Amino acid sequence: MKFGSWYPLADAAHHAVAAPGVFQVRVATGLVDYPRGKSAMVHYGAAADVRAAAAAFAARHRDAPWWCRHTIEPDALAAAEATALFDRLVRDFTARFGCPPRVPS
């Protein structure tokens, strides 16, 4: 599975695809403290419509200067594949950093 380039989260509705996939959100600068280290990642999402899900997430975090990217595949990514990728990303992140990614308060 491949991810495209990072873009401002506020522009997710213009960049993300209206198809099944996964999106990632990271802070624009700096790192977030986690129990076993620091990471720029704050959220993973999987949806049947990545554009709608990323745009909804962006609307809830309107003032956050975060970056987003989504899966890009030559063929459409099946919903089950998106869910499996999301599960693996969260599992691997949790194993490395001690908890799932979280939106800073």
N, C-alpha and C. Protein backbone atom coordinates (compact mmCIF):
# COMPACT_ATOMS: atom_id res chain seq x y z
N MET A 1 0.84 -1.17 0.00
CA MET A 1 0.00 0.00 0.00
C MET A 1 0.89 1.24 0.00
N LYS A 2 0.52 2.20 -0.81
CA LYS A 2 1.29 3.43 -0.91
C LYS A 2 0.46 4.61 -0.44
N PHE A 3 1.15 5.59 0.12
CA PHE A 3 0.52 6.84 0.49
C PHE A 3 1.04 7.94 -0.43
N GLY A 4 0.19 8.91 -0.71
CA GLY A 4 0.58 10.05 -1.52
C GLY A 4 1.34 11.07 -0.70
N SER A 5 1.53 12.23 -1.28
CA SER A 5 2.25 13.32 -0.61
C SER A 5 1.38 13.95 0.47
N TRP A 6 2.05 14.58 1.42
CA TRP A 6 1.35 15.30 2.48
C TRP A 6 0.77 16.60 1.92
N TYR A 7 -0.38 17.01 2.44
CA TYR A 7 -1.03 18.28 2.08
C TYR A 7 -1.71 18.82 3.34
N PRO A 8 -2.04 20.11 3.38
CA PRO A 8 -2.71 20.65 4.56
C PRO A 8 -4.03 19.94 4.81
N LEU A 9 -4.29 19.59 6.06
CA LEU A 9 -5.53 18.90 6.41
C LEU A 9 -6.74 19.68 5.93
N ALA A 10 -6.69 20.99 6.00
CA ALA A 10 -7.82 21.83 5.57
C ALA A 10 -8.18 21.60 4.10
N ASP A 11 -7.24 21.07 3.31
CA ASP A 11 -7.47 20.83 1.89
C ASP A 11 -7.86 19.39 1.57
N ALA A 12 -8.16 18.60 2.60
CA ALA A 12 -8.45 17.17 2.40
C ALA A 12 -9.58 16.94 1.41
N ALA A 13 -10.62 17.76 1.45
CA ALA A 13 -11.75 17.56 0.54
C ALA A 13 -11.35 17.74 -0.92
N HIS A 14 -10.25 18.44 -1.17
CA HIS A 14 -9.79 18.68 -2.54
C HIS A 14 -8.77 17.64 -3.01
N HIS A 15 -8.13 16.95 -2.06
CA HIS A 15 -7.06 16.03 -2.42
C HIS A 15 -7.42 14.56 -2.27
N ALA A 16 -8.14 14.22 -1.23
CA ALA A 16 -8.43 12.82 -0.94
C ALA A 16 -9.41 12.25 -1.98
N VAL A 17 -9.36 10.94 -2.11
CA VAL A 17 -10.21 10.27 -3.09
C VAL A 17 -11.54 9.85 -2.47
N ALA A 18 -12.58 9.86 -3.26
CA ALA A 18 -13.90 9.40 -2.81
C ALA A 18 -13.99 7.91 -3.06
N ALA A 19 -13.16 7.16 -2.36
CA ALA A 19 -13.07 5.71 -2.53
C ALA A 19 -12.55 5.12 -1.22
N PRO A 20 -12.64 3.81 -1.06
CA PRO A 20 -12.11 3.19 0.15
C PRO A 20 -10.61 3.44 0.29
N GLY A 21 -10.16 3.63 1.53
CA GLY A 21 -8.75 3.83 1.77
C GLY A 21 -8.48 4.23 3.20
N VAL A 22 -7.24 4.65 3.41
CA VAL A 22 -6.76 5.05 4.74
C VAL A 22 -6.17 6.44 4.61
N PHE A 23 -6.35 7.25 5.65
CA PHE A 23 -5.67 8.54 5.69
C PHE A 23 -4.92 8.68 7.00
N GLN A 24 -3.86 9.47 6.97
CA GLN A 24 -3.03 9.73 8.13
C GLN A 24 -3.01 11.23 8.37
N VAL A 25 -2.91 11.61 9.64
CA VAL A 25 -2.83 13.02 10.01
C VAL A 25 -1.64 13.18 10.94
N ARG A 26 -0.85 14.22 10.68
CA ARG A 26 0.33 14.51 11.50
C ARG A 26 0.38 15.98 11.83
N VAL A 27 1.09 16.31 12.89
CA VAL A 27 1.29 17.71 13.22
C VAL A 27 2.20 18.32 12.16
N ALA A 28 2.04 19.61 11.91
CA ALA A 28 2.85 20.28 10.89
C ALA A 28 4.28 20.47 11.36
N THR A 29 4.44 20.77 12.63
CA THR A 29 5.78 20.96 13.19
C THR A 29 5.85 20.31 14.56
N GLY A 30 7.02 19.93 14.93
CA GLY A 30 7.22 19.34 16.25
C GLY A 30 6.76 17.90 16.32
N LEU A 31 6.75 17.40 17.55
CA LEU A 31 6.38 16.02 17.80
C LEU A 31 5.45 15.95 19.00
N VAL A 32 4.67 14.89 19.06
CA VAL A 32 3.75 14.64 20.17
C VAL A 32 4.40 13.60 21.08
N ASP A 33 4.32 13.83 22.39
CA ASP A 33 4.85 12.86 23.36
C ASP A 33 3.92 11.67 23.50
N TYR A 34 4.50 10.48 23.41
CA TYR A 34 3.80 9.23 23.64
C TYR A 34 4.55 8.48 24.73
N PRO A 35 3.96 7.46 25.34
CA PRO A 35 4.64 6.77 26.44
C PRO A 35 6.04 6.25 26.13
N ARG A 36 6.28 5.84 24.88
CA ARG A 36 7.59 5.29 24.54
C ARG A 36 8.26 6.05 23.39
N GLY A 37 8.10 7.35 23.38
CA GLY A 37 8.78 8.14 22.36
C GLY A 37 7.93 9.28 21.85
N LYS A 38 8.38 9.86 20.76
CA LYS A 38 7.71 11.00 20.15
C LYS A 38 7.42 10.69 18.70
N SER A 39 6.31 11.23 18.21
CA SER A 39 5.93 11.04 16.81
C SER A 39 5.14 12.25 16.35
N ALA A 40 5.18 12.50 15.07
CA ALA A 40 4.36 13.57 14.49
C ALA A 40 2.94 13.10 14.21
N MET A 41 2.71 11.78 14.20
CA MET A 41 1.41 11.22 13.85
C MET A 41 0.40 11.44 14.97
N VAL A 42 -0.82 11.86 14.60
CA VAL A 42 -1.88 12.06 15.60
C VAL A 42 -3.17 11.31 15.27
N HIS A 43 -3.29 10.76 14.06
CA HIS A 43 -4.54 10.08 13.72
C HIS A 43 -4.36 9.21 12.48
N TYR A 44 -5.02 8.05 12.52
CA TYR A 44 -5.21 7.22 11.34
C TYR A 44 -6.71 7.06 11.16
N GLY A 45 -7.16 7.02 9.94
CA GLY A 45 -8.57 6.78 9.67
C GLY A 45 -8.72 5.88 8.46
N ALA A 46 -9.74 5.03 8.49
CA ALA A 46 -10.08 4.18 7.35
C ALA A 46 -11.55 4.40 7.05
N ALA A 47 -11.88 4.44 5.77
CA ALA A 47 -13.27 4.70 5.41
C ALA A 47 -13.57 4.19 4.01
N ALA A 48 -14.84 3.97 3.75
CA ALA A 48 -15.29 3.61 2.41
C ALA A 48 -15.16 4.80 1.47
N ASP A 49 -15.18 6.01 2.03
CA ASP A 49 -15.00 7.25 1.27
C ASP A 49 -13.98 8.11 2.03
N VAL A 50 -12.72 7.98 1.64
CA VAL A 50 -11.64 8.68 2.34
C VAL A 50 -11.85 10.19 2.27
N ARG A 51 -12.32 10.70 1.15
CA ARG A 51 -12.54 12.15 1.02
C ARG A 51 -13.51 12.64 2.08
N ALA A 52 -14.63 11.97 2.21
CA ALA A 52 -15.64 12.38 3.19
C ALA A 52 -15.11 12.26 4.61
N ALA A 53 -14.42 11.17 4.91
CA ALA A 53 -13.90 10.97 6.27
C ALA A 53 -12.82 11.99 6.61
N ALA A 54 -11.90 12.23 5.70
CA ALA A 54 -10.83 13.21 5.96
C ALA A 54 -11.40 14.62 6.05
N ALA A 55 -12.37 14.94 5.20
CA ALA A 55 -13.00 16.27 5.25
C ALA A 55 -13.76 16.45 6.56
N ALA A 56 -14.44 15.42 7.04
CA ALA A 56 -15.16 15.50 8.32
C ALA A 56 -14.17 15.68 9.47
N PHE A 57 -13.06 14.95 9.44
CA PHE A 57 -12.03 15.10 10.47
C PHE A 57 -11.48 16.52 10.43
N ALA A 58 -11.21 17.03 9.24
CA ALA A 58 -10.70 18.40 9.09
C ALA A 58 -11.69 19.42 9.63
N ALA A 59 -12.97 19.20 9.41
CA ALA A 59 -14.00 20.13 9.90
C ALA A 59 -14.04 20.15 11.43
N ARG A 60 -13.79 18.98 12.04
CA ARG A 60 -13.78 18.91 13.52
C ARG A 60 -12.54 19.56 14.10
N HIS A 61 -11.49 19.68 13.31
CA HIS A 61 -10.21 20.23 13.78
C HIS A 61 -9.80 21.40 12.88
N ARG A 62 -10.76 22.25 12.64
CA ARG A 62 -10.64 23.35 11.69
C ARG A 62 -9.40 24.23 11.89
N ASP A 63 -9.02 24.50 13.12
CA ASP A 63 -7.91 25.43 13.38
C ASP A 63 -6.56 24.73 13.55
N ALA A 64 -6.54 23.43 13.43
CA ALA A 64 -5.28 22.70 13.63
C ALA A 64 -4.40 22.79 12.38
N PRO A 65 -3.16 23.20 12.55
CA PRO A 65 -2.25 23.30 11.40
C PRO A 65 -1.60 21.94 11.10
N TRP A 66 -2.40 20.97 10.77
CA TRP A 66 -1.92 19.61 10.56
C TRP A 66 -1.84 19.27 9.08
N TRP A 67 -1.17 18.17 8.81
CA TRP A 67 -0.98 17.67 7.46
C TRP A 67 -1.66 16.32 7.32
N CYS A 68 -2.07 16.00 6.13
CA CYS A 68 -2.81 14.77 5.84
C CYS A 68 -2.26 14.13 4.57
N ARG A 69 -2.39 12.84 4.48
CA ARG A 69 -2.13 12.12 3.23
C ARG A 69 -3.02 10.88 3.23
N HIS A 70 -3.22 10.32 2.07
CA HIS A 70 -4.10 9.16 1.94
C HIS A 70 -3.47 8.11 1.03
N THR A 71 -4.03 6.92 1.10
CA THR A 71 -3.54 5.83 0.25
C THR A 71 -3.80 6.16 -1.21
N ILE A 72 -2.86 5.76 -2.01
CA ILE A 72 -3.00 5.88 -3.47
C ILE A 72 -2.69 4.51 -4.05
N GLU A 73 -3.56 4.01 -4.84
CA GLU A 73 -3.40 2.69 -5.44
C GLU A 73 -3.73 2.78 -6.91
N PRO A 74 -3.05 2.01 -7.75
CA PRO A 74 -3.39 2.03 -9.17
C PRO A 74 -4.80 1.52 -9.42
N ASP A 75 -5.24 0.57 -8.62
CA ASP A 75 -6.61 0.06 -8.68
C ASP A 75 -7.30 0.43 -7.38
N ALA A 76 -8.59 0.44 -7.38
CA ALA A 76 -9.34 0.78 -6.17
C ALA A 76 -8.97 -0.18 -5.04
N LEU A 77 -8.80 0.38 -3.87
CA LEU A 77 -8.50 -0.40 -2.67
C LEU A 77 -9.82 -0.92 -2.11
N ALA A 78 -9.92 -2.20 -1.89
CA ALA A 78 -11.15 -2.77 -1.33
C ALA A 78 -11.30 -2.33 0.12
N ALA A 79 -12.53 -2.20 0.57
CA ALA A 79 -12.80 -1.76 1.94
C ALA A 79 -12.11 -2.67 2.96
N ALA A 80 -12.11 -3.97 2.72
CA ALA A 80 -11.46 -4.91 3.65
C ALA A 80 -9.95 -4.67 3.71
N GLU A 81 -9.35 -4.33 2.57
CA GLU A 81 -7.92 -4.03 2.54
C GLU A 81 -7.62 -2.74 3.32
N ALA A 82 -8.49 -1.76 3.18
CA ALA A 82 -8.32 -0.50 3.91
C ALA A 82 -8.40 -0.75 5.41
N THR A 83 -9.37 -1.55 5.82
CA THR A 83 -9.52 -1.86 7.24
C THR A 83 -8.31 -2.62 7.77
N ALA A 84 -7.82 -3.57 7.00
CA ALA A 84 -6.65 -4.35 7.40
C ALA A 84 -5.42 -3.45 7.52
N LEU A 85 -5.24 -2.53 6.58
CA LEU A 85 -4.12 -1.61 6.64
C LEU A 85 -4.23 -0.70 7.86
N PHE A 86 -5.41 -0.16 8.09
CA PHE A 86 -5.65 0.68 9.27
C PHE A 86 -5.31 -0.09 10.55
N ASP A 87 -5.80 -1.31 10.67
CA ASP A 87 -5.54 -2.13 11.86
C ASP A 87 -4.04 -2.35 12.05
N ARG A 88 -3.32 -2.63 10.97
CA ARG A 88 -1.88 -2.86 11.05
C ARG A 88 -1.14 -1.59 11.46
N LEU A 89 -1.52 -0.45 10.88
CA LEU A 89 -0.86 0.82 11.23
C LEU A 89 -1.05 1.15 12.70
N VAL A 90 -2.26 1.00 13.20
CA VAL A 90 -2.53 1.30 14.62
C VAL A 90 -1.80 0.30 15.52
N ARG A 91 -1.83 -0.97 15.15
CA ARG A 91 -1.13 -2.00 15.94
C ARG A 91 0.38 -1.72 16.00
N ASP A 92 0.98 -1.41 14.85
CA ASP A 92 2.42 -1.14 14.81
C ASP A 92 2.77 0.13 15.58
N PHE A 93 1.94 1.16 15.44
CA PHE A 93 2.18 2.41 16.15
C PHE A 93 2.11 2.16 17.66
N THR A 94 1.09 1.45 18.09
CA THR A 94 0.90 1.16 19.50
C THR A 94 2.07 0.35 20.06
N ALA A 95 2.54 -0.63 19.31
CA ALA A 95 3.67 -1.44 19.75
C ALA A 95 4.93 -0.58 19.91
N ARG A 96 5.11 0.36 19.02
CA ARG A 96 6.31 1.20 19.05
C ARG A 96 6.21 2.31 20.10
N PHE A 97 5.06 2.99 20.18
CA PHE A 97 4.96 4.20 21.00
C PHE A 97 4.17 4.00 22.30
N GLY A 98 3.60 2.84 22.53
CA GLY A 98 2.95 2.55 23.81
C GLY A 98 1.48 2.87 23.89
N CYS A 99 0.91 3.45 22.86
CA CYS A 99 -0.53 3.74 22.78
C CYS A 99 -0.85 4.12 21.34
N PRO A 100 -2.14 4.10 20.99
CA PRO A 100 -2.50 4.51 19.63
C PRO A 100 -2.25 6.00 19.43
N PRO A 101 -2.16 6.46 18.19
CA PRO A 101 -1.99 7.89 17.97
C PRO A 101 -3.18 8.64 18.56
N ARG A 102 -2.89 9.85 19.05
CA ARG A 102 -3.97 10.62 19.66
C ARG A 102 -3.85 12.08 19.28
N VAL A 103 -4.98 12.70 19.18
CA VAL A 103 -5.06 14.13 18.86
C VAL A 103 -4.62 14.90 20.10
N PRO A 104 -3.62 15.78 19.98
CA PRO A 104 -3.17 16.55 21.14
C PRO A 104 -4.27 17.47 21.67
N SER A 105 -4.29 17.62 22.98
CA SER A 105 -5.31 18.51 23.57
C SER A 105 -4.78 19.90 23.79
